[in-house]
Structure formats: structure tokens, C-alpha cells
N, C-alpha and C. Protein backbone atom coordinates (compact mmCIF):
# COMPACT_ATOMS: atom_id res chain seq x y z
N MET A 1 -4.60 -0.89 -5.28
CA MET A 1 -4.74 -0.02 -6.43
C MET A 1 -6.17 -0.10 -6.92
N LYS A 2 -6.73 1.07 -7.22
CA LYS A 2 -8.13 1.12 -7.65
C LYS A 2 -8.25 2.06 -8.83
N ALA A 3 -9.35 1.89 -9.55
CA ALA A 3 -9.72 2.79 -10.63
C ALA A 3 -11.23 2.88 -10.69
N ARG A 4 -11.75 3.98 -11.16
CA ARG A 4 -13.19 4.16 -11.33
C ARG A 4 -13.44 4.70 -12.72
N ILE A 5 -14.34 4.03 -13.44
CA ILE A 5 -14.68 4.43 -14.78
C ILE A 5 -16.16 4.76 -14.84
N LYS A 6 -16.52 6.00 -15.16
CA LYS A 6 -17.91 6.44 -15.20
C LYS A 6 -18.35 6.70 -16.61
N TRP A 7 -19.50 6.17 -16.96
CA TRP A 7 -20.10 6.39 -18.27
C TRP A 7 -20.61 7.81 -18.34
N ILE A 8 -20.23 8.54 -19.36
CA ILE A 8 -20.68 9.92 -19.56
C ILE A 8 -21.86 9.98 -20.47
N GLU A 9 -21.69 9.51 -21.70
CA GLU A 9 -22.77 9.44 -22.70
C GLU A 9 -22.27 8.63 -23.88
N GLY A 10 -23.18 8.15 -24.71
CA GLY A 10 -22.79 7.39 -25.89
C GLY A 10 -21.78 6.29 -25.55
N LYS A 11 -20.59 6.43 -26.08
CA LYS A 11 -19.51 5.48 -25.75
C LYS A 11 -18.34 6.17 -25.03
N THR A 12 -18.67 7.32 -24.43
CA THR A 12 -17.64 8.11 -23.71
C THR A 12 -17.68 7.80 -22.23
N PHE A 13 -16.52 7.56 -21.66
CA PHE A 13 -16.34 7.28 -20.24
C PHE A 13 -15.28 8.18 -19.67
N MET A 14 -15.31 8.42 -18.39
CA MET A 14 -14.25 9.15 -17.70
C MET A 14 -13.60 8.16 -16.73
N GLY A 15 -12.34 7.91 -16.91
CA GLY A 15 -11.58 7.05 -16.03
C GLY A 15 -10.84 7.85 -15.02
N GLU A 16 -10.92 7.46 -13.76
CA GLU A 16 -10.17 8.14 -12.70
C GLU A 16 -9.35 7.11 -11.95
N SER A 17 -8.07 7.41 -11.83
CA SER A 17 -7.18 6.48 -11.12
C SER A 17 -7.33 6.69 -9.62
N GLY A 18 -6.85 5.71 -8.88
CA GLY A 18 -6.88 5.80 -7.42
C GLY A 18 -6.07 6.96 -6.91
N SER A 19 -5.10 7.41 -7.70
CA SER A 19 -4.30 8.57 -7.28
C SER A 19 -4.91 9.90 -7.72
N GLY A 20 -6.14 9.84 -8.30
CA GLY A 20 -6.85 11.06 -8.55
C GLY A 20 -6.65 11.67 -9.95
N HIS A 21 -6.05 10.97 -10.85
CA HIS A 21 -5.85 11.49 -12.21
C HIS A 21 -6.95 10.97 -13.14
N ALA A 22 -7.34 11.80 -14.11
CA ALA A 22 -8.48 11.44 -14.97
C ALA A 22 -8.07 11.37 -16.43
N VAL A 23 -8.82 10.56 -17.17
CA VAL A 23 -8.59 10.43 -18.61
C VAL A 23 -9.95 10.17 -19.28
N VAL A 24 -10.13 10.74 -20.45
CA VAL A 24 -11.35 10.50 -21.20
C VAL A 24 -11.13 9.27 -22.09
N ILE A 25 -12.08 8.35 -22.08
CA ILE A 25 -12.02 7.12 -22.85
C ILE A 25 -13.21 7.16 -23.81
N ASP A 26 -12.96 6.92 -25.08
CA ASP A 26 -14.06 6.95 -26.05
C ASP A 26 -13.72 6.00 -27.22
N GLY A 27 -14.70 5.75 -28.04
CA GLY A 27 -14.56 4.92 -29.20
C GLY A 27 -14.61 5.74 -30.48
N PRO A 28 -14.31 5.08 -31.62
CA PRO A 28 -14.39 5.76 -32.89
C PRO A 28 -15.84 5.91 -33.32
N PRO A 29 -16.13 6.89 -34.18
CA PRO A 29 -17.48 7.10 -34.64
C PRO A 29 -18.16 5.83 -35.23
N GLU A 30 -17.39 5.02 -35.92
CA GLU A 30 -18.00 3.80 -36.51
C GLU A 30 -18.45 2.79 -35.47
N SER A 31 -18.05 3.00 -34.23
CA SER A 31 -18.51 2.15 -33.13
C SER A 31 -19.48 2.86 -32.18
N GLY A 32 -19.93 4.05 -32.61
CA GLY A 32 -20.85 4.81 -31.80
C GLY A 32 -20.20 5.84 -30.90
N GLY A 33 -18.87 5.96 -30.96
CA GLY A 33 -18.17 6.95 -30.16
C GLY A 33 -18.12 8.30 -30.86
N ARG A 34 -17.59 9.28 -30.16
CA ARG A 34 -17.41 10.61 -30.75
C ARG A 34 -15.95 10.99 -30.89
N ASP A 35 -15.08 10.02 -30.68
CA ASP A 35 -13.62 10.23 -30.83
C ASP A 35 -13.14 11.34 -29.90
N LEU A 36 -13.65 11.36 -28.68
CA LEU A 36 -13.28 12.40 -27.71
C LEU A 36 -12.12 12.00 -26.81
N GLY A 37 -11.71 10.74 -26.88
CA GLY A 37 -10.65 10.32 -25.98
C GLY A 37 -9.92 9.10 -26.50
N ILE A 38 -9.05 8.62 -25.68
CA ILE A 38 -8.22 7.48 -26.00
C ILE A 38 -9.05 6.19 -26.01
N ARG A 39 -8.66 5.25 -26.83
CA ARG A 39 -9.34 3.95 -26.89
C ARG A 39 -8.85 3.05 -25.73
N PRO A 40 -9.66 2.16 -25.22
CA PRO A 40 -9.25 1.30 -24.13
C PRO A 40 -8.00 0.48 -24.45
N MET A 41 -7.89 -0.11 -25.65
CA MET A 41 -6.73 -0.91 -25.96
C MET A 41 -5.46 -0.04 -26.11
N GLU A 42 -5.64 1.20 -26.53
CA GLU A 42 -4.49 2.11 -26.57
C GLU A 42 -4.00 2.39 -25.18
N MET A 43 -4.88 2.44 -24.21
CA MET A 43 -4.49 2.67 -22.84
C MET A 43 -3.60 1.55 -22.31
N ILE A 44 -3.87 0.33 -22.75
CA ILE A 44 -3.04 -0.81 -22.34
C ILE A 44 -1.61 -0.62 -22.86
N LEU A 45 -1.50 -0.19 -24.12
CA LEU A 45 -0.17 0.05 -24.68
C LEU A 45 0.54 1.21 -23.99
N LEU A 46 -0.20 2.26 -23.66
CA LEU A 46 0.40 3.37 -22.93
C LEU A 46 0.88 2.93 -21.54
N GLY A 47 0.07 2.11 -20.89
CA GLY A 47 0.47 1.59 -19.57
C GLY A 47 1.76 0.77 -19.67
N LEU A 48 1.82 -0.08 -20.66
CA LEU A 48 3.02 -0.89 -20.88
C LEU A 48 4.23 0.01 -21.14
N GLY A 49 4.10 0.96 -22.05
CA GLY A 49 5.19 1.83 -22.37
C GLY A 49 5.63 2.67 -21.20
N GLY A 50 4.69 3.18 -20.42
CA GLY A 50 5.03 3.97 -19.24
C GLY A 50 5.74 3.15 -18.20
N CYS A 51 5.25 1.95 -17.98
CA CYS A 51 5.84 1.05 -16.95
C CYS A 51 7.29 0.68 -17.30
N THR A 52 7.50 0.24 -18.53
CA THR A 52 8.84 -0.18 -18.91
C THR A 52 9.77 1.02 -19.12
N GLY A 53 9.25 2.13 -19.57
CA GLY A 53 10.10 3.36 -19.68
C GLY A 53 10.58 3.82 -18.34
N PHE A 54 9.67 3.79 -17.34
CA PHE A 54 10.01 4.16 -15.99
C PHE A 54 11.18 3.29 -15.49
N ASP A 55 11.05 1.97 -15.71
CA ASP A 55 12.11 1.05 -15.28
C ASP A 55 13.44 1.34 -15.95
N VAL A 56 13.43 1.49 -17.26
CA VAL A 56 14.66 1.70 -18.01
C VAL A 56 15.37 2.96 -17.54
N VAL A 57 14.66 4.04 -17.43
CA VAL A 57 15.28 5.31 -16.93
C VAL A 57 15.81 5.11 -15.52
N HIS A 58 15.03 4.49 -14.65
CA HIS A 58 15.45 4.29 -13.27
C HIS A 58 16.73 3.42 -13.21
N ILE A 59 16.77 2.36 -13.96
CA ILE A 59 17.93 1.45 -13.98
C ILE A 59 19.15 2.22 -14.50
N LEU A 60 18.98 2.97 -15.58
CA LEU A 60 20.13 3.74 -16.12
C LEU A 60 20.62 4.80 -15.15
N GLU A 61 19.72 5.47 -14.48
CA GLU A 61 20.13 6.47 -13.48
C GLU A 61 20.87 5.80 -12.32
N LYS A 62 20.40 4.65 -11.87
CA LYS A 62 21.10 3.96 -10.78
C LYS A 62 22.48 3.49 -11.20
N ALA A 63 22.64 3.23 -12.51
CA ALA A 63 23.96 2.81 -13.06
C ALA A 63 24.80 4.05 -13.39
N ARG A 64 24.32 5.22 -13.01
CA ARG A 64 25.03 6.49 -13.27
C ARG A 64 25.29 6.73 -14.73
N GLN A 65 24.34 6.33 -15.56
CA GLN A 65 24.43 6.57 -17.00
C GLN A 65 23.85 7.97 -17.29
N PRO A 66 24.46 8.69 -18.23
CA PRO A 66 24.05 10.07 -18.50
C PRO A 66 22.81 10.13 -19.43
N VAL A 67 21.72 9.51 -19.00
CA VAL A 67 20.49 9.52 -19.81
C VAL A 67 19.83 10.88 -19.74
N SER A 68 19.52 11.43 -20.92
CA SER A 68 18.87 12.75 -20.99
C SER A 68 17.47 12.65 -21.54
N ASP A 69 17.13 11.57 -22.21
CA ASP A 69 15.78 11.40 -22.76
C ASP A 69 15.53 9.93 -23.02
N CYS A 70 14.28 9.54 -22.96
CA CYS A 70 13.87 8.18 -23.29
C CYS A 70 12.48 8.23 -23.89
N VAL A 71 12.36 7.73 -25.09
CA VAL A 71 11.08 7.66 -25.78
C VAL A 71 10.80 6.16 -25.98
N VAL A 72 9.60 5.75 -25.61
CA VAL A 72 9.21 4.33 -25.77
C VAL A 72 8.13 4.27 -26.85
N GLU A 73 8.43 3.60 -27.95
CA GLU A 73 7.47 3.46 -29.03
C GLU A 73 6.95 2.05 -28.99
N VAL A 74 5.60 1.92 -28.84
CA VAL A 74 4.97 0.61 -28.68
C VAL A 74 4.06 0.39 -29.88
N GLU A 75 4.21 -0.74 -30.56
CA GLU A 75 3.41 -1.08 -31.69
C GLU A 75 2.84 -2.49 -31.48
N ALA A 76 1.55 -2.65 -31.77
CA ALA A 76 0.90 -3.94 -31.54
C ALA A 76 0.09 -4.37 -32.74
N GLU A 77 -0.01 -5.66 -32.89
CA GLU A 77 -0.90 -6.24 -33.88
C GLU A 77 -2.07 -6.85 -33.10
N ARG A 78 -3.26 -6.79 -33.72
CA ARG A 78 -4.46 -7.33 -33.06
C ARG A 78 -5.10 -8.37 -33.95
N SER A 79 -5.83 -9.26 -33.31
CA SER A 79 -6.59 -10.29 -34.03
C SER A 79 -7.66 -9.64 -34.88
N ASP A 80 -7.94 -10.23 -36.03
CA ASP A 80 -8.98 -9.71 -36.91
C ASP A 80 -10.38 -10.06 -36.42
N SER A 81 -10.46 -11.10 -35.60
CA SER A 81 -11.77 -11.53 -35.11
C SER A 81 -11.97 -11.19 -33.65
N VAL A 82 -13.19 -11.13 -33.21
CA VAL A 82 -13.57 -10.80 -31.85
C VAL A 82 -13.31 -12.01 -30.97
N PRO A 83 -12.70 -11.90 -29.82
CA PRO A 83 -12.20 -10.65 -29.22
C PRO A 83 -10.90 -10.21 -29.91
N ARG A 84 -10.77 -8.93 -30.17
CA ARG A 84 -9.63 -8.38 -30.92
C ARG A 84 -8.43 -8.16 -29.98
N VAL A 85 -7.93 -9.27 -29.45
CA VAL A 85 -6.80 -9.24 -28.52
C VAL A 85 -5.52 -8.91 -29.25
N PHE A 86 -4.52 -8.50 -28.53
CA PHE A 86 -3.21 -8.27 -29.09
C PHE A 86 -2.62 -9.64 -29.43
N THR A 87 -2.02 -9.76 -30.62
CA THR A 87 -1.34 -10.99 -31.01
C THR A 87 0.18 -10.85 -30.93
N SER A 88 0.67 -9.61 -30.99
CA SER A 88 2.06 -9.34 -30.79
C SER A 88 2.22 -7.87 -30.42
N ILE A 89 3.27 -7.61 -29.64
CA ILE A 89 3.60 -6.24 -29.25
C ILE A 89 5.10 -6.08 -29.39
N HIS A 90 5.50 -4.94 -29.98
CA HIS A 90 6.93 -4.64 -30.07
C HIS A 90 7.17 -3.30 -29.34
N VAL A 91 8.18 -3.30 -28.50
CA VAL A 91 8.54 -2.14 -27.72
C VAL A 91 9.94 -1.67 -28.17
N HIS A 92 10.00 -0.45 -28.68
CA HIS A 92 11.27 0.16 -29.15
C HIS A 92 11.63 1.33 -28.29
N PHE A 93 12.80 1.28 -27.70
CA PHE A 93 13.29 2.40 -26.84
C PHE A 93 14.25 3.25 -27.64
N VAL A 94 14.08 4.56 -27.55
CA VAL A 94 15.03 5.52 -28.11
C VAL A 94 15.60 6.25 -26.91
N VAL A 95 16.83 5.90 -26.56
CA VAL A 95 17.44 6.43 -25.35
C VAL A 95 18.52 7.42 -25.76
N SER A 96 18.49 8.60 -25.18
CA SER A 96 19.46 9.67 -25.53
C SER A 96 20.32 10.01 -24.35
N GLY A 97 21.55 10.39 -24.66
CA GLY A 97 22.51 10.85 -23.68
C GLY A 97 23.92 10.77 -24.21
N ASP A 98 24.76 11.66 -23.82
CA ASP A 98 26.16 11.62 -24.26
C ASP A 98 26.94 10.62 -23.44
N GLY A 99 27.56 9.64 -24.13
CA GLY A 99 28.38 8.66 -23.45
C GLY A 99 27.64 7.50 -22.85
N LEU A 100 26.43 7.25 -23.31
CA LEU A 100 25.68 6.08 -22.80
C LEU A 100 26.37 4.79 -23.22
N SER A 101 26.41 3.85 -22.32
CA SER A 101 26.98 2.55 -22.60
C SER A 101 25.92 1.63 -23.23
N ASP A 102 26.25 1.09 -24.41
CA ASP A 102 25.36 0.16 -25.08
C ASP A 102 25.01 -1.02 -24.18
N LYS A 103 26.01 -1.50 -23.50
CA LYS A 103 25.84 -2.65 -22.59
C LYS A 103 24.84 -2.31 -21.48
N GLN A 104 24.95 -1.09 -20.91
CA GLN A 104 24.05 -0.68 -19.80
C GLN A 104 22.61 -0.47 -20.32
N VAL A 105 22.44 0.08 -21.50
CA VAL A 105 21.11 0.26 -22.05
C VAL A 105 20.49 -1.09 -22.35
N ALA A 106 21.24 -2.01 -22.95
CA ALA A 106 20.74 -3.36 -23.22
C ALA A 106 20.33 -4.06 -21.91
N ARG A 107 21.13 -3.90 -20.88
CA ARG A 107 20.84 -4.50 -19.56
C ARG A 107 19.58 -3.91 -18.97
N ALA A 108 19.41 -2.59 -19.09
CA ALA A 108 18.22 -1.95 -18.54
C ALA A 108 16.95 -2.42 -19.26
N VAL A 109 17.01 -2.54 -20.55
CA VAL A 109 15.84 -3.01 -21.33
C VAL A 109 15.53 -4.47 -20.94
N GLU A 110 16.56 -5.28 -20.82
CA GLU A 110 16.36 -6.69 -20.46
C GLU A 110 15.81 -6.85 -19.02
N LEU A 111 16.37 -6.10 -18.09
CA LEU A 111 15.88 -6.18 -16.71
C LEU A 111 14.43 -5.74 -16.60
N SER A 112 14.07 -4.69 -17.31
CA SER A 112 12.68 -4.24 -17.27
C SER A 112 11.77 -5.31 -17.83
N ALA A 113 12.14 -5.86 -18.99
CA ALA A 113 11.29 -6.87 -19.65
C ALA A 113 11.18 -8.17 -18.87
N GLU A 114 12.26 -8.58 -18.24
CA GLU A 114 12.28 -9.93 -17.65
C GLU A 114 12.12 -9.94 -16.12
N LYS A 115 12.25 -8.77 -15.47
CA LYS A 115 12.23 -8.79 -14.00
C LYS A 115 11.34 -7.73 -13.36
N TYR A 116 11.34 -6.51 -13.87
CA TYR A 116 10.72 -5.42 -13.15
C TYR A 116 9.40 -4.88 -13.66
N CYS A 117 9.18 -4.88 -14.94
CA CYS A 117 7.97 -4.26 -15.48
C CYS A 117 6.76 -5.18 -15.32
N SER A 118 5.92 -4.82 -14.38
CA SER A 118 4.71 -5.62 -14.11
C SER A 118 3.84 -5.75 -15.33
N ALA A 119 3.69 -4.68 -16.07
CA ALA A 119 2.83 -4.72 -17.28
C ALA A 119 3.42 -5.67 -18.34
N SER A 120 4.71 -5.61 -18.57
CA SER A 120 5.35 -6.49 -19.54
C SER A 120 5.25 -7.95 -19.11
N LEU A 121 5.48 -8.19 -17.85
CA LEU A 121 5.44 -9.57 -17.36
C LEU A 121 4.03 -10.14 -17.40
N MET A 122 3.04 -9.34 -17.07
CA MET A 122 1.66 -9.79 -17.11
C MET A 122 1.19 -10.01 -18.56
N LEU A 123 1.39 -9.01 -19.41
CA LEU A 123 0.95 -9.16 -20.81
C LEU A 123 1.71 -10.26 -21.52
N GLY A 124 3.01 -10.43 -21.16
CA GLY A 124 3.83 -11.44 -21.78
C GLY A 124 3.35 -12.88 -21.56
N LYS A 125 2.47 -13.07 -20.60
CA LYS A 125 1.90 -14.41 -20.40
C LYS A 125 0.87 -14.78 -21.47
N VAL A 126 0.36 -13.78 -22.21
CA VAL A 126 -0.66 -14.09 -23.20
C VAL A 126 -0.35 -13.53 -24.61
N VAL A 127 0.71 -12.75 -24.76
CA VAL A 127 1.06 -12.21 -26.06
C VAL A 127 2.58 -12.12 -26.16
N ASP A 128 3.09 -12.36 -27.39
CA ASP A 128 4.51 -12.26 -27.64
C ASP A 128 4.93 -10.80 -27.62
N ILE A 129 5.87 -10.45 -26.73
CA ILE A 129 6.39 -9.08 -26.63
C ILE A 129 7.86 -9.10 -26.99
N SER A 130 8.23 -8.29 -27.97
CA SER A 130 9.64 -8.15 -28.33
C SER A 130 10.12 -6.74 -27.97
N HIS A 131 11.42 -6.61 -27.81
CA HIS A 131 12.01 -5.33 -27.40
C HIS A 131 13.26 -5.07 -28.23
N ASP A 132 13.52 -3.81 -28.52
CA ASP A 132 14.80 -3.40 -29.04
C ASP A 132 15.06 -1.94 -28.65
N TYR A 133 16.21 -1.44 -28.98
CA TYR A 133 16.53 -0.07 -28.58
C TYR A 133 17.51 0.54 -29.52
N GLU A 134 17.60 1.84 -29.47
CA GLU A 134 18.64 2.60 -30.16
C GLU A 134 19.12 3.67 -29.20
N ILE A 135 20.37 4.05 -29.39
CA ILE A 135 20.97 5.08 -28.55
C ILE A 135 21.28 6.27 -29.43
N ILE A 136 20.88 7.42 -28.95
CA ILE A 136 21.17 8.67 -29.67
C ILE A 136 21.96 9.59 -28.73
N ALA A 137 23.10 10.05 -29.22
CA ALA A 137 23.87 11.01 -28.44
C ALA A 137 23.00 12.26 -28.20
N ALA A 138 23.14 12.88 -27.09
CA ALA A 138 22.35 14.07 -26.77
C ALA A 138 22.50 15.17 -27.81
N THR A 139 23.61 15.11 -28.54
CA THR A 139 23.87 16.11 -29.60
C THR A 139 23.08 15.76 -30.86
N GLY A 140 22.39 14.58 -30.85
CA GLY A 140 21.53 14.21 -31.97
C GLY A 140 22.14 13.19 -32.91
N GLU A 141 23.38 12.74 -32.68
CA GLU A 141 24.02 11.79 -33.54
C GLU A 141 23.68 10.38 -33.08
N ALA A 142 23.25 9.53 -34.02
CA ALA A 142 22.91 8.14 -33.69
C ALA A 142 24.17 7.42 -33.28
N GLY A 143 24.00 6.47 -32.31
CA GLY A 143 25.14 5.71 -31.84
C GLY A 143 24.91 4.26 -31.80
């Protein structure tokens, strides 16, 4: 796996993945950026959310669960001093589908966190990561 990050100007960079996808990376104006793109630490949270979301949906589909949507909300706290590392991360799954099994959703979240999600397992070695979930019927009623 490879990535290439090219400096454009100021604090703006263009990141390109080995698979050929690009993203603009920039900082806030108070740090010399122009706010043209995502922050580097935000990208870490997006990677974590994408990785674990992929796992949860895949596990639920393999279990023949009627999953129709999955939103992963990731919230992190950072140190006040430099380096401003993450001190805690919370991952909240909002899984939708009619007739979803609470037991199967809980199992999918647990398996992703403890066995399959490379990002969770790697980051979990240096920061406390917690997980929870809610199930919403596809008709919009909380379950």
C-alpha cells in the first residue's frame, strides 16, 4: 500500500492514494492554511470510521441481516499540548434496517473492534477507543 502527498502551496497538500484517488489536505487559517481541505488528524478519524463501517456492514450482510444503512460517527479528544495526539476516541454506529437483530449488530461491532478493523486495532494500541451503536428501523423508528 502506498500514498503520495504533494505540497501545493502554503499549507495545502494533495494526497493521492495508491489506488489513484485524491484528496486536498489543508490547515486552518490560524496555522497558515487556507481551509481548502480536510485536516490530517480528521483524515485519521475518517479512515477509522470507514474501516470499521466497512467491517460492520460486511459482517451483517454475511449474517443475512437486512441492513439498509450504516452511519459511523467518530468523536475524538486531543491533548492540549504538542504533540496534539488523540487521548480518546468514541465510535458510534447508527445501523438501519427492518428486523435487525440487536445481538447480530452488537456482534458485528465487537468483531470489527477486536478482530477485523486494522485501523481500530492499530490506533487502540495508543489511545482508548470505545464503541456503541443504535438500531433504527428502516421506517425511521428507533429500536
